[in-house]
Amino acid sequence: WILGSSLDSAKLAATRGLPYAFASHFAPAYFFKAIELYRNMFRPS
């Protein structure tokens, strides 16, 4: 899994086709933007 709290981690998870866990329990600022980016950029693997 890719565990992240930023847009960079969302891009990495998406381009590698990996599941994504977002650390919104302490870094909530980019949560919705990150998961939207992840879904939009996701490449099946």
PDB file of all heavy atoms in Angstrom:
ATOM      1  N   TRP A   1       0.847  -1.189   0.000  1.00  0.00           N
ATOM      2  CA  TRP A   1       0.000   0.000   0.000  1.00  0.00           C
ATOM      3  C   TRP A   1       0.882   1.238   0.000  1.00  0.00           C
ATOM      4  O   TRP A   1       1.998   1.220   0.522  1.00  0.00           O
ATOM      5  CB  TRP A   1      -0.872   0.039   1.256  1.00  0.00           C
ATOM      6  CG  TRP A   1      -1.945  -0.987   1.296  1.00  0.00           C
ATOM      7  CD1 TRP A   1      -1.809  -2.338   1.488  1.00  0.00           C
ATOM      8  CD2 TRP A   1      -3.339  -0.756   1.147  1.00  0.00           C
ATOM      9  NE1 TRP A   1      -3.026  -2.952   1.479  1.00  0.00           N
ATOM     10  CE2 TRP A   1      -3.992  -2.001   1.279  1.00  0.00           C
ATOM     11  CE3 TRP A   1      -4.103   0.395   0.947  1.00  0.00           C
ATOM     12  CZ2 TRP A   1      -5.375  -2.136   1.194  1.00  0.00           C
ATOM     13  CZ3 TRP A   1      -5.481   0.263   0.858  1.00  0.00           C
ATOM     14  CH2 TRP A   1      -6.102  -0.988   0.977  1.00  0.00           C
ATOM     15  N   ILE A   2       0.345   2.320  -0.534  1.00  0.00           N
ATOM     16  CA  ILE A   2       0.984   3.618  -0.363  1.00  0.00           C
ATOM     17  C   ILE A   2       0.224   4.358   0.720  1.00  0.00           C
ATOM     18  O   ILE A   2      -0.980   4.603   0.601  1.00  0.00           O
ATOM     19  CB  ILE A   2       0.960   4.445  -1.666  1.00  0.00           C
ATOM     20  CG1 ILE A   2       1.698   3.704  -2.782  1.00  0.00           C
ATOM     21  CG2 ILE A   2       1.571   5.823  -1.431  1.00  0.00           C
ATOM     22  CD1 ILE A   2       3.171   3.460  -2.517  1.00  0.00           C
ATOM     23  N   LEU A   3       0.909   4.675   1.805  1.00  0.00           N
ATOM     24  CA  LEU A   3       0.344   5.492   2.872  1.00  0.00           C
ATOM     25  C   LEU A   3       0.887   6.896   2.703  1.00  0.00           C
ATOM     26  O   LEU A   3       2.110   7.085   2.637  1.00  0.00           O
ATOM     27  CB  LEU A   3       0.737   4.940   4.247  1.00  0.00           C
ATOM     28  CG  LEU A   3       0.443   5.848   5.447  1.00  0.00           C
ATOM     29  CD1 LEU A   3      -1.051   6.077   5.610  1.00  0.00           C
ATOM     30  CD2 LEU A   3       1.033   5.263   6.725  1.00  0.00           C
ATOM     31  N   GLY A   4       0.008   7.878   2.613  1.00  0.00           N
ATOM     32  CA  GLY A   4       0.489   9.234   2.384  1.00  0.00           C
ATOM     33  C   GLY A   4      -0.411  10.291   2.974  1.00  0.00           C
ATOM     34  O   GLY A   4      -1.491   9.998   3.510  1.00  0.00           O
ATOM     35  N   SER A   5       0.048  11.524   2.842  1.00  0.00           N
ATOM     36  CA  SER A   5      -0.729  12.673   3.316  1.00  0.00           C
ATOM     37  C   SER A   5      -0.552  13.854   2.369  1.00  0.00           C
ATOM     38  O   SER A   5      -0.712  14.996   2.770  1.00  0.00           O
ATOM     39  CB  SER A   5      -0.288  13.060   4.734  1.00  0.00           C
ATOM     40  OG  SER A   5       1.102  13.376   4.756  1.00  0.00           O
ATOM     41  N   SER A   6      -0.209  13.557   1.121  1.00  0.00           N
ATOM     42  CA  SER A   6       0.070  14.628   0.170  1.00  0.00           C
ATOM     43  C   SER A   6      -0.408  14.239  -1.223  1.00  0.00           C
ATOM     44  O   SER A   6      -0.766  13.081  -1.482  1.00  0.00           O
ATOM     45  CB  SER A   6       1.572  14.902   0.111  1.00  0.00           C
ATOM     46  OG  SER A   6       2.240  13.802  -0.491  1.00  0.00           O
ATOM     47  N   LEU A   7      -0.377  15.188  -2.136  1.00  0.00           N
ATOM     48  CA  LEU A   7      -0.742  14.917  -3.517  1.00  0.00           C
ATOM     49  C   LEU A   7       0.303  14.039  -4.199  1.00  0.00           C
ATOM     50  O   LEU A   7      -0.022  13.251  -5.092  1.00  0.00           O
ATOM     51  CB  LEU A   7      -0.931  16.228  -4.278  1.00  0.00           C
ATOM     52  CG  LEU A   7      -2.017  17.171  -3.728  1.00  0.00           C
ATOM     53  CD1 LEU A   7      -2.155  18.399  -4.619  1.00  0.00           C
ATOM     54  CD2 LEU A   7      -3.361  16.460  -3.600  1.00  0.00           C
ATOM     55  N   ASP A   8       1.556  14.183  -3.797  1.00  0.00           N
ATOM     56  CA  ASP A   8       2.619  13.365  -4.399  1.00  0.00           C
ATOM     57  C   ASP A   8       2.382  11.887  -4.149  1.00  0.00           C
ATOM     58  O   ASP A   8       2.568  11.050  -5.043  1.00  0.00           O
ATOM     59  CB  ASP A   8       3.984  13.775  -3.846  1.00  0.00           C
ATOM     60  CG  ASP A   8       4.470  15.103  -4.396  1.00  0.00           C
ATOM     61  OD1 ASP A   8       3.936  15.540  -5.435  1.00  0.00           O
ATOM     62  OD2 ASP A   8       5.364  15.710  -3.781  1.00  0.00           O
ATOM     63  N   SER A   9       1.991  11.549  -2.928  1.00  0.00           N
ATOM     64  CA  SER A   9       1.743  10.141  -2.607  1.00  0.00           C
ATOM     65  C   SER A   9       0.535   9.628  -3.383  1.00  0.00           C
ATOM     66  O   SER A   9       0.500   8.464  -3.792  1.00  0.00           O
ATOM     67  CB  SER A   9       1.529   9.958  -1.103  1.00  0.00           C
ATOM     68  OG  SER A   9       0.412  10.703  -0.642  1.00  0.00           O
ATOM     69  N   ALA A  10      -0.463  10.486  -3.593  1.00  0.00           N
ATOM     70  CA  ALA A  10      -1.638  10.083  -4.374  1.00  0.00           C
ATOM     71  C   ALA A  10      -1.248   9.766  -5.807  1.00  0.00           C
ATOM     72  O   ALA A  10      -1.708   8.772  -6.394  1.00  0.00           O
ATOM     73  CB  ALA A  10      -2.680  11.195  -4.339  1.00  0.00           C
ATOM     74  N   LYS A  11      -0.384  10.601  -6.395  1.00  0.00           N
ATOM     75  CA  LYS A  11       0.082  10.368  -7.771  1.00  0.00           C
ATOM     76  C   LYS A  11       0.868   9.066  -7.862  1.00  0.00           C
ATOM     77  O   LYS A  11       0.709   8.293  -8.816  1.00  0.00           O
ATOM     78  CB  LYS A  11       0.957  11.527  -8.234  1.00  0.00           C
ATOM     79  CG  LYS A  11       0.218  12.838  -8.432  1.00  0.00           C
ATOM     80  CD  LYS A  11       1.195  13.954  -8.815  1.00  0.00           C
ATOM     81  CE  LYS A  11       0.488  15.293  -8.921  1.00  0.00           C
ATOM     82  NZ  LYS A  11       1.452  16.395  -9.212  1.00  0.00           N
ATOM     83  N   LEU A  12       1.714   8.823  -6.875  1.00  0.00           N
ATOM     84  CA  LEU A  12       2.524   7.606  -6.892  1.00  0.00           C
ATOM     85  C   LEU A  12       1.643   6.365  -6.825  1.00  0.00           C
ATOM     86  O   LEU A  12       1.824   5.418  -7.596  1.00  0.00           O
ATOM     87  CB  LEU A  12       3.516   7.622  -5.722  1.00  0.00           C
ATOM     88  CG  LEU A  12       4.386   6.380  -5.568  1.00  0.00           C
ATOM     89  CD1 LEU A  12       5.268   6.180  -6.798  1.00  0.00           C
ATOM     90  CD2 LEU A  12       5.251   6.483  -4.306  1.00  0.00           C
ATOM     91  N   ALA A  13       0.673   6.369  -5.898  1.00  0.00           N
ATOM     92  CA  ALA A  13      -0.229   5.224  -5.776  1.00  0.00           C
ATOM     93  C   ALA A  13      -1.015   5.009  -7.063  1.00  0.00           C
ATOM     94  O   ALA A  13      -1.220   3.873  -7.501  1.00  0.00           O
ATOM     95  CB  ALA A  13      -1.174   5.439  -4.602  1.00  0.00           C
ATOM     96  N   ALA A  14      -1.451   6.110  -7.683  1.00  0.00           N
ATOM     97  CA  ALA A  14      -2.255   6.011  -8.907  1.00  0.00           C
ATOM     98  C   ALA A  14      -1.451   5.476 -10.073  1.00  0.00           C
ATOM     99  O   ALA A  14      -1.891   4.569 -10.789  1.00  0.00           O
ATOM    100  CB  ALA A  14      -2.831   7.380  -9.245  1.00  0.00           C
ATOM    101  N   THR A  15      -0.264   6.023 -10.284  1.00  0.00           N
ATOM    102  CA  THR A  15       0.534   5.617 -11.449  1.00  0.00           C
ATOM    103  C   THR A  15       1.074   4.202 -11.310  1.00  0.00           C
ATOM    104  O   THR A  15       1.327   3.531 -12.314  1.00  0.00           O
ATOM    105  CB  THR A  15       1.702   6.593 -11.678  1.00  0.00           C
ATOM    106  OG1 THR A  15       2.498   6.685 -10.489  1.00  0.00           O
ATOM    107  CG2 THR A  15       1.175   7.977 -12.040  1.00  0.00           C
ATOM    108  N   ARG A  16       1.237   3.728 -10.078  1.00  0.00           N
ATOM    109  CA  ARG A  16       1.715   2.355  -9.868  1.00  0.00           C
ATOM    110  C   ARG A  16       0.568   1.357  -9.740  1.00  0.00           C
ATOM    111  O   ARG A  16       0.800   0.157  -9.609  1.00  0.00           O
ATOM    112  CB  ARG A  16       2.588   2.284  -8.622  1.00  0.00           C
ATOM    113  CG  ARG A  16       3.813   3.166  -8.707  1.00  0.00           C
ATOM    114  CD  ARG A  16       5.047   2.405  -8.385  1.00  0.00           C
ATOM    115  NE  ARG A  16       6.208   3.267  -8.513  1.00  0.00           N
ATOM    116  CZ  ARG A  16       7.280   2.931  -9.181  1.00  0.00           C
ATOM    117  NH1 ARG A  16       7.334   1.770  -9.798  1.00  0.00           N
ATOM    118  NH2 ARG A  16       8.320   3.749  -9.246  1.00  0.00           N
ATOM    119  N   GLY A  17      -0.670   1.876  -9.734  1.00  0.00           N
ATOM    120  CA  GLY A  17      -1.812   0.984  -9.618  1.00  0.00           C
ATOM    121  C   GLY A  17      -1.876   0.262  -8.299  1.00  0.00           C
ATOM    122  O   GLY A  17      -2.200  -0.919  -8.224  1.00  0.00           O
ATOM    123  N   LEU A  18      -1.595   1.009  -7.216  1.00  0.00           N
ATOM    124  CA  LEU A  18      -1.581   0.426  -5.875  1.00  0.00           C
ATOM    125  C   LEU A  18      -2.708   1.007  -5.027  1.00  0.00           C
ATOM    126  O   LEU A  18      -3.163   2.131  -5.267  1.00  0.00           O
ATOM    127  CB  LEU A  18      -0.238   0.717  -5.196  1.00  0.00           C
ATOM    128  CG  LEU A  18       0.988   0.049  -5.815  1.00  0.00           C
ATOM    129  CD1 LEU A  18       2.266   0.582  -5.165  1.00  0.00           C
ATOM    130  CD2 LEU A  18       0.901  -1.466  -5.673  1.00  0.00           C
ATOM    131  N   PRO A  19      -3.153   0.281  -4.016  1.00  0.00           N
ATOM    132  CA  PRO A  19      -4.146   0.833  -3.099  1.00  0.00           C
ATOM    133  C   PRO A  19      -3.543   1.977  -2.287  1.00  0.00           C
ATOM    134  O   PRO A  19      -2.337   2.000  -2.031  1.00  0.00           O
ATOM    135  CB  PRO A  19      -4.527  -0.355  -2.216  1.00  0.00           C
ATOM    136  CG  PRO A  19      -3.375  -1.300  -2.317  1.00  0.00           C
ATOM    137  CD  PRO A  19      -2.787  -1.110  -3.675  1.00  0.00           C
ATOM    138  N   TYR A  20      -4.402   2.897  -1.868  1.00  0.00           N
ATOM    139  CA  TYR A  20      -3.945   4.144  -1.253  1.00  0.00           C
ATOM    140  C   TYR A  20      -4.614   4.358   0.094  1.00  0.00           C
ATOM    141  O   TYR A  20      -5.836   4.305   0.210  1.00  0.00           O
ATOM    142  CB  TYR A  20      -4.276   5.301  -2.188  1.00  0.00           C
ATOM    143  CG  TYR A  20      -3.742   6.656  -1.777  1.00  0.00           C
ATOM    144  CD1 TYR A  20      -2.451   6.815  -1.312  1.00  0.00           C
ATOM    145  CD2 TYR A  20      -4.548   7.786  -1.874  1.00  0.00           C
ATOM    146  CE1 TYR A  20      -1.961   8.062  -0.958  1.00  0.00           C
ATOM    147  CE2 TYR A  20      -4.067   9.042  -1.535  1.00  0.00           C
ATOM    148  CZ  TYR A  20      -2.775   9.177  -1.071  1.00  0.00           C
ATOM    149  OH  TYR A  20      -2.294  10.422  -0.719  1.00  0.00           O
ATOM    150  N   ALA A  21      -3.804   4.573   1.112  1.00  0.00           N
ATOM    151  CA  ALA A  21      -4.301   4.904   2.449  1.00  0.00           C
ATOM    152  C   ALA A  21      -3.864   6.321   2.794  1.00  0.00           C
ATOM    153  O   ALA A  21      -2.668   6.630   2.695  1.00  0.00           O
ATOM    154  CB  ALA A  21      -3.760   3.917   3.485  1.00  0.00           C
ATOM    155  N   PHE A  22      -4.820   7.158   3.168  1.00  0.00           N
ATOM    156  CA  PHE A  22      -4.499   8.559   3.460  1.00  0.00           C
ATOM    157  C   PHE A  22      -4.524   8.805   4.963  1.00  0.00           C
ATOM    158  O   PHE A  22      -5.463   8.424   5.657  1.00  0.00           O
ATOM    159  CB  PHE A  22      -5.483   9.503   2.770  1.00  0.00           C
ATOM    160  CG  PHE A  22      -5.010  10.930   2.757  1.00  0.00           C
ATOM    161  CD1 PHE A  22      -4.230  11.409   1.715  1.00  0.00           C
ATOM    162  CD2 PHE A  22      -5.314  11.788   3.801  1.00  0.00           C
ATOM    163  CE1 PHE A  22      -3.766  12.720   1.712  1.00  0.00           C
ATOM    164  CE2 PHE A  22      -4.860  13.090   3.811  1.00  0.00           C
ATOM    165  CZ  PHE A  22      -4.081  13.567   2.763  1.00  0.00           C
ATOM    166  N   ALA A  23      -3.477   9.485   5.451  1.00  0.00           N
ATOM    167  CA  ALA A  23      -3.310   9.721   6.886  1.00  0.00           C
ATOM    168  C   ALA A  23      -4.118  10.935   7.347  1.00  0.00           C
ATOM    169  O   ALA A  23      -3.596  11.898   7.899  1.00  0.00           O
ATOM    170  CB  ALA A  23      -1.835   9.917   7.217  1.00  0.00           C
ATOM    171  N   SER A  24      -5.424  10.857   7.133  1.00  0.00           N
ATOM    172  CA  SER A  24      -6.283  11.982   7.501  1.00  0.00           C
ATOM    173  C   SER A  24      -6.488  12.089   9.008  1.00  0.00           C
ATOM    174  O   SER A  24      -7.085  13.056   9.482  1.00  0.00           O
ATOM    175  CB  SER A  24      -7.637  11.866   6.795  1.00  0.00           C
ATOM    176  OG  SER A  24      -8.124  10.545   6.803  1.00  0.00           O
ATOM    177  N   HIS A  25      -5.986  11.134   9.774  1.00  0.00           N
ATOM    178  CA  HIS A  25      -6.122  11.214  11.229  1.00  0.00           C
ATOM    179  C   HIS A  25      -5.193  12.252  11.842  1.00  0.00           C
ATOM    180  O   HIS A  25      -5.369  12.617  13.007  1.00  0.00           O
ATOM    181  CB  HIS A  25      -5.875   9.844  11.870  1.00  0.00           C
ATOM    182  CG  HIS A  25      -4.523   9.261  11.622  1.00  0.00           C
ATOM    183  ND1 HIS A  25      -3.983   9.105  10.366  1.00  0.00           N
ATOM    184  CD2 HIS A  25      -3.589   8.773  12.484  1.00  0.00           C
ATOM    185  CE1 HIS A  25      -2.792   8.562  10.461  1.00  0.00           C
ATOM    186  NE2 HIS A  25      -2.518   8.352  11.733  1.00  0.00           N
ATOM    187  N   PHE A  26      -4.208  12.743  11.073  1.00  0.00           N
ATOM    188  CA  PHE A  26      -3.381  13.832  11.597  1.00  0.00           C
ATOM    189  C   PHE A  26      -3.013  14.858  10.529  1.00  0.00           C
ATOM    190  O   PHE A  26      -2.497  15.922  10.849  1.00  0.00           O
ATOM    191  CB  PHE A  26      -2.090  13.290  12.252  1.00  0.00           C
ATOM    192  CG  PHE A  26      -1.106  12.688  11.277  1.00  0.00           C
ATOM    193  CD1 PHE A  26      -0.189  13.478  10.607  1.00  0.00           C
ATOM    194  CD2 PHE A  26      -1.090  11.321  11.053  1.00  0.00           C
ATOM    195  CE1 PHE A  26       0.723  12.927   9.721  1.00  0.00           C
ATOM    196  CE2 PHE A  26      -0.190  10.758  10.168  1.00  0.00           C
ATOM    197  CZ  PHE A  26       0.720  11.571   9.495  1.00  0.00           C
ATOM    198  N   ALA A  27      -3.277  14.557   9.256  1.00  0.00           N
ATOM    199  CA  ALA A  27      -2.937  15.481   8.169  1.00  0.00           C
ATOM    200  C   ALA A  27      -4.119  15.586   7.210  1.00  0.00           C
ATOM    201  O   ALA A  27      -4.068  15.059   6.094  1.00  0.00           O
ATOM    202  CB  ALA A  27      -1.687  15.011   7.449  1.00  0.00           C
ATOM    203  N   PRO A  28      -5.191  16.242   7.626  1.00  0.00           N
ATOM    204  CA  PRO A  28      -6.427  16.219   6.849  1.00  0.00           C
ATOM    205  C   PRO A  28      -6.487  17.169   5.661  1.00  0.00           C
ATOM    206  O   PRO A  28      -7.382  17.057   4.824  1.00  0.00           O
ATOM    207  CB  PRO A  28      -7.483  16.618   7.884  1.00  0.00           C
ATOM    208  CG  PRO A  28      -6.748  17.549   8.803  1.00  0.00           C
ATOM    209  CD  PRO A  28      -5.353  16.970   8.904  1.00  0.00           C
ATOM    210  N   ALA A  29      -5.554  18.114   5.571  1.00  0.00           N
ATOM    211  CA  ALA A  29      -5.695  19.234   4.642  1.00  0.00           C
ATOM    212  C   ALA A  29      -5.941  18.816   3.198  1.00  0.00           C
ATOM    213  O   ALA A  29      -6.780  19.398   2.509  1.00  0.00           O
ATOM    214  CB  ALA A  29      -4.466  20.137   4.734  1.00  0.00           C
ATOM    215  N   TYR A  30      -5.218  17.806   2.717  1.00  0.00           N
ATOM    216  CA  TYR A  30      -5.305  17.439   1.303  1.00  0.00           C
ATOM    217  C   TYR A  30      -6.115  16.168   1.059  1.00  0.00           C
ATOM    218  O   TYR A  30      -6.050  15.606  -0.037  1.00  0.00           O
ATOM    219  CB  TYR A  30      -3.896  17.256   0.728  1.00  0.00           C
ATOM    220  CG  TYR A  30      -3.114  18.535   0.633  1.00  0.00           C
ATOM    221  CD1 TYR A  30      -2.106  18.826   1.550  1.00  0.00           C
ATOM    222  CD2 TYR A  30      -3.400  19.475  -0.347  1.00  0.00           C
ATOM    223  CE1 TYR A  30      -1.394  20.008   1.486  1.00  0.00           C
ATOM    224  CE2 TYR A  30      -2.692  20.663  -0.426  1.00  0.00           C
ATOM    225  CZ  TYR A  30      -1.691  20.926   0.493  1.00  0.00           C
ATOM    226  OH  TYR A  30      -0.993  22.103   0.422  1.00  0.00           O
ATOM    227  N   PHE A  31      -6.868  15.732   2.053  1.00  0.00           N
ATOM    228  CA  PHE A  31      -7.551  14.442   1.937  1.00  0.00           C
ATOM    229  C   PHE A  31      -8.420  14.348   0.691  1.00  0.00           C
ATOM    230  O   PHE A  31      -8.229  13.466  -0.156  1.00  0.00           O
ATOM    231  CB  PHE A  31      -8.387  14.166   3.188  1.00  0.00           C
ATOM    232  CG  PHE A  31      -9.272  12.955   3.072  1.00  0.00           C
ATOM    233  CD1 PHE A  31      -8.727  11.695   2.912  1.00  0.00           C
ATOM    234  CD2 PHE A  31     -10.658  13.081   3.101  1.00  0.00           C
ATOM    235  CE1 PHE A  31      -9.538  10.569   2.789  1.00  0.00           C
ATOM    236  CE2 PHE A  31     -11.474  11.967   2.981  1.00  0.00           C
ATOM    237  CZ  PHE A  31     -10.918  10.721   2.824  1.00  0.00           C
ATOM    238  N   PHE A  32      -9.380  15.237   0.534  1.00  0.00           N
ATOM    239  CA  PHE A  32     -10.308  15.125  -0.582  1.00  0.00           C
ATOM    240  C   PHE A  32      -9.625  15.379  -1.919  1.00  0.00           C
ATOM    241  O   PHE A  32      -9.915  14.707  -2.917  1.00  0.00           O
ATOM    242  CB  PHE A  32     -11.501  16.063  -0.386  1.00  0.00           C
ATOM    243  CG  PHE A  32     -12.577  15.485   0.489  1.00  0.00           C
ATOM    244  CD1 PHE A  32     -12.636  15.787   1.840  1.00  0.00           C
ATOM    245  CD2 PHE A  32     -13.508  14.600  -0.035  1.00  0.00           C
ATOM    246  CE1 PHE A  32     -13.619  15.246   2.652  1.00  0.00           C
ATOM    247  CE2 PHE A  32     -14.496  14.041   0.770  1.00  0.00           C
ATOM    248  CZ  PHE A  32     -14.556  14.356   2.115  1.00  0.00           C
ATOM    249  N   LYS A  33      -8.694  16.310  -1.967  1.00  0.00           N
ATOM    250  CA  LYS A  33      -7.958  16.562  -3.207  1.00  0.00           C
ATOM    251  C   LYS A  33      -7.113  15.346  -3.586  1.00  0.00           C
ATOM    252  O   LYS A  33      -7.032  14.977  -4.762  1.00  0.00           O
ATOM    253  CB  LYS A  33      -7.062  17.790  -3.052  1.00  0.00           C
ATOM    254  CG  LYS A  33      -7.806  19.115  -3.000  1.00  0.00           C
ATOM    255  CD  LYS A  33      -6.822  20.271  -2.913  1.00  0.00           C
ATOM    256  CE  LYS A  33      -7.565  21.605  -2.861  1.00  0.00           C
ATOM    257  NZ  LYS A  33      -6.616  22.743  -2.745  1.00  0.00           N
ATOM    258  N   ALA A  34      -6.493  14.734  -2.583  1.00  0.00           N
ATOM    259  CA  ALA A  34      -5.607  13.598  -2.851  1.00  0.00           C
ATOM    260  C   ALA A  34      -6.376  12.392  -3.368  1.00  0.00           C
ATOM    261  O   ALA A  34      -5.953  11.746  -4.334  1.00  0.00           O
ATOM    262  CB  ALA A  34      -4.822  13.233  -1.598  1.00  0.00           C
ATOM    263  N   ILE A  35      -7.497  12.074  -2.752  1.00  0.00           N
ATOM    264  CA  ILE A  35      -8.220  10.886  -3.202  1.00  0.00           C
ATOM    265  C   ILE A  35      -8.888  11.125  -4.554  1.00  0.00           C
ATOM    266  O   ILE A  35      -9.041  10.195  -5.351  1.00  0.00           O
ATOM    267  CB  ILE A  35      -9.229  10.383  -2.150  1.00  0.00           C
ATOM    268  CG1 ILE A  35     -10.318  11.417  -1.864  1.00  0.00           C
ATOM    269  CG2 ILE A  35      -8.504   9.985  -0.874  1.00  0.00           C
ATOM    270  CD1 ILE A  35     -11.425  10.878  -0.943  1.00  0.00           C
ATOM    271  N   GLU A  36      -9.263  12.374  -4.839  1.00  0.00           N
ATOM    272  CA  GLU A  36      -9.804  12.685  -6.161  1.00  0.00           C
ATOM    273  C   GLU A  36      -8.714  12.531  -7.226  1.00  0.00           C
ATOM    274  O   GLU A  36      -8.946  11.945  -8.299  1.00  0.00           O
ATOM    275  CB  GLU A  36     -10.360  14.109  -6.193  1.00  0.00           C
ATOM    276  CG  GLU A  36     -10.945  14.506  -7.542  1.00  0.00           C
ATOM    277  CD  GLU A  36     -11.436  15.930  -7.576  1.00  0.00           C
ATOM    278  OE1 GLU A  36     -11.100  16.717  -6.657  1.00  0.00           O
ATOM    279  OE2 GLU A  36     -12.157  16.280  -8.529  1.00  0.00           O
ATOM    280  N   LEU A  37      -7.527  13.056  -6.919  1.00  0.00           N
ATOM    281  CA  LEU A  37      -6.408  12.928  -7.846  1.00  0.00           C
ATOM    282  C   LEU A  37      -6.053  11.470  -8.068  1.00  0.00           C
ATOM    283  O   LEU A  37      -5.814  11.032  -9.211  1.00  0.00           O
ATOM    284  CB  LEU A  37      -5.198  13.688  -7.290  1.00  0.00           C
ATOM    285  CG  LEU A  37      -3.926  13.680  -8.134  1.00  0.00           C
ATOM    286  CD1 LEU A  37      -4.153  14.467  -9.417  1.00  0.00           C
ATOM    287  CD2 LEU A  37      -2.764  14.289  -7.344  1.00  0.00           C
ATOM    288  N   TYR A  38      -6.009  10.706  -7.005  1.00  0.00           N
ATOM    289  CA  TYR A  38      -5.697   9.277  -7.087  1.00  0.00           C
ATOM    290  C   TYR A  38      -6.686   8.559  -8.006  1.00  0.00           C
ATOM    291  O   TYR A  38      -6.292   7.788  -8.892  1.00  0.00           O
ATOM    292  CB  TYR A  38      -5.729   8.672  -5.683  1.00  0.00           C
ATOM    293  CG  TYR A  38      -5.728   7.170  -5.635  1.00  0.00           C
ATOM    294  CD1 TYR A  38      -4.605   6.435  -5.998  1.00  0.00           C
ATOM    295  CD2 TYR A  38      -6.858   6.471  -5.205  1.00  0.00           C
ATOM    296  CE1 TYR A  38      -4.603   5.044  -5.939  1.00  0.00           C
ATOM    297  CE2 TYR A  38      -6.857   5.087  -5.133  1.00  0.00           C
ATOM    298  CZ  TYR A  38      -5.740   4.371  -5.510  1.00  0.00           C
ATOM    299  OH  TYR A  38      -5.750   2.993  -5.449  1.00  0.00           O
ATOM    300  N   ARG A  39      -7.965   8.812  -7.828  1.00  0.00           N
ATOM    301  CA  ARG A  39      -8.973   8.143  -8.648  1.00  0.00           C
ATOM    302  C   ARG A  39      -8.894   8.565 -10.112  1.00  0.00           C
ATOM    303  O   ARG A  39      -9.051   7.740 -11.013  1.00  0.00           O
ATOM    304  CB  ARG A  39     -10.369   8.440  -8.080  1.00  0.00           C
ATOM    305  CG  ARG A  39     -10.648   7.720  -6.760  1.00  0.00           C
ATOM    306  CD  ARG A  39     -11.863   8.271  -6.063  1.00  0.00           C
ATOM    307  NE  ARG A  39     -12.186   7.510  -4.856  1.00  0.00           N
ATOM    308  CZ  ARG A  39     -12.817   8.017  -3.804  1.00  0.00           C
ATOM    309  NH1 ARG A  39     -13.194   9.298  -3.816  1.00  0.00           N
ATOM    310  NH2 ARG A  39     -13.059   7.275  -2.747  1.00  0.00           N
ATOM    311  N   ASN A  40      -8.641   9.840 -10.336  1.00  0.00           N
ATOM    312  CA  ASN A  40      -8.584  10.344 -11.714  1.00  0.00           C
ATOM    313  C   ASN A  40      -7.353   9.840 -12.470  1.00  0.00           C
ATOM    314  O   ASN A  40      -7.403   9.629 -13.685  1.00  0.00           O
ATOM    315  CB  ASN A  40      -8.593  11.867 -11.725  1.00  0.00           C
ATOM    316  CG  ASN A  40      -9.941  12.445 -11.333  1.00  0.00           C
ATOM    317  OD1 ASN A  40     -10.968  11.774 -11.436  1.00  0.00           O
ATOM    318  ND2 ASN A  40      -9.952  13.684 -10.869  1.00  0.00           N
ATOM    319  N   MET A  41      -6.238   9.674 -11.761  1.00  0.00           N
ATOM    320  CA  MET A  41      -4.987   9.286 -12.406  1.00  0.00           C
ATOM    321  C   MET A  41      -4.722   7.783 -12.365  1.00  0.00           C
ATOM    322  O   MET A  41      -3.728   7.312 -12.915  1.00  0.00           O
ATOM    323  CB  MET A  41      -3.805  10.017 -11.748  1.00  0.00           C
ATOM    324  CG  MET A  41      -3.798  11.515 -11.943  1.00  0.00           C
ATOM    325  SD  MET A  41      -2.291  12.278 -11.251  1.00  0.00           S
ATOM    326  CE  MET A  41      -1.022  11.544 -12.300  1.00  0.00           C
ATOM    327  N   PHE A  42      -5.597   7.036 -11.728  1.00  0.00           N
ATOM    328  CA  PHE A  42      -5.328   5.621 -11.481  1.00  0.00           C
ATOM    329  C   PHE A  42      -5.135   4.835 -12.780  1.00  0.00           C
ATOM    330  O   PHE A  42      -5.902   4.962 -13.730  1.00  0.00           O
ATOM    331  CB  PHE A  42      -6.464   4.987 -10.685  1.00  0.00           C
ATOM    332  CG  PHE A  42      -6.213   3.558 -10.315  1.00  0.00           C
ATOM    333  CD1 PHE A  42      -5.452   3.248  -9.207  1.00  0.00           C
ATOM    334  CD2 PHE A  42      -6.718   2.525 -11.095  1.00  0.00           C
ATOM    335  CE1 PHE A  42      -5.206   1.924  -8.862  1.00  0.00           C
ATOM    336  CE2 PHE A  42      -6.477   1.196 -10.766  1.00  0.00           C
ATOM    337  CZ  PHE A  42      -5.709   0.906  -9.646  1.00  0.00           C
ATOM    338  N   ARG A  43      -4.089   4.015 -12.778  1.00  0.00           N
ATOM    339  CA  ARG A  43      -3.804   3.117 -13.884  1.00  0.00           C
ATOM    340  C   ARG A  43      -3.900   1.683 -13.371  1.00  0.00           C
ATOM    341  O   ARG A  43      -3.155   1.296 -12.468  1.00  0.00           O
ATOM    342  CB  ARG A  43      -2.399   3.362 -14.435  1.00  0.00           C
ATOM    343  CG  ARG A  43      -2.163   4.759 -14.971  1.00  0.00           C
ATOM    344  CD  ARG A  43      -0.710   4.909 -15.377  1.00  0.00           C
ATOM    345  NE  ARG A  43      -0.360   6.279 -15.754  1.00  0.00           N
ATOM    346  CZ  ARG A  43       0.885   6.693 -15.957  1.00  0.00           C
ATOM    347  NH1 ARG A  43       1.902   5.843 -15.812  1.00  0.00           N
ATOM    348  NH2 ARG A  43       1.105   7.947 -16.290  1.00  0.00           N
ATOM    349  N   PRO A  44      -4.775   0.880 -13.939  1.00  0.00           N
ATOM    350  CA  PRO A  44      -4.876  -0.525 -13.493  1.00  0.00           C
ATOM    351  C   PRO A  44      -3.531  -1.229 -13.610  1.00  0.00           C
ATOM    352  O   PRO A  44      -2.735  -0.944 -14.517  1.00  0.00           O
ATOM    353  CB  PRO A  44      -5.902  -1.121 -14.467  1.00  0.00           C
ATOM    354  CG  PRO A  44      -6.710   0.055 -14.919  1.00  0.00           C
ATOM    355  CD  PRO A  44      -5.738   1.202 -14.997  1.00  0.00           C
ATOM    356  N   SER A  45      -3.285  -2.118 -12.698  1.00  0.00           N
ATOM    357  CA  SER A  45      -2.020  -2.859 -12.675  1.00  0.00           C
ATOM    358  C   SER A  45      -2.299  -4.316 -12.357  1.00  0.00           C
ATOM    359  O   SER A  45      -3.444  -4.704 -12.126  1.00  0.00           O
ATOM    360  CB  SER A  45      -1.084  -2.272 -11.606  1.00  0.00           C
ATOM    361  OG  SER A  45      -1.603  -2.551 -10.307  1.00  0.00           O
TER     362      SER A  45
END
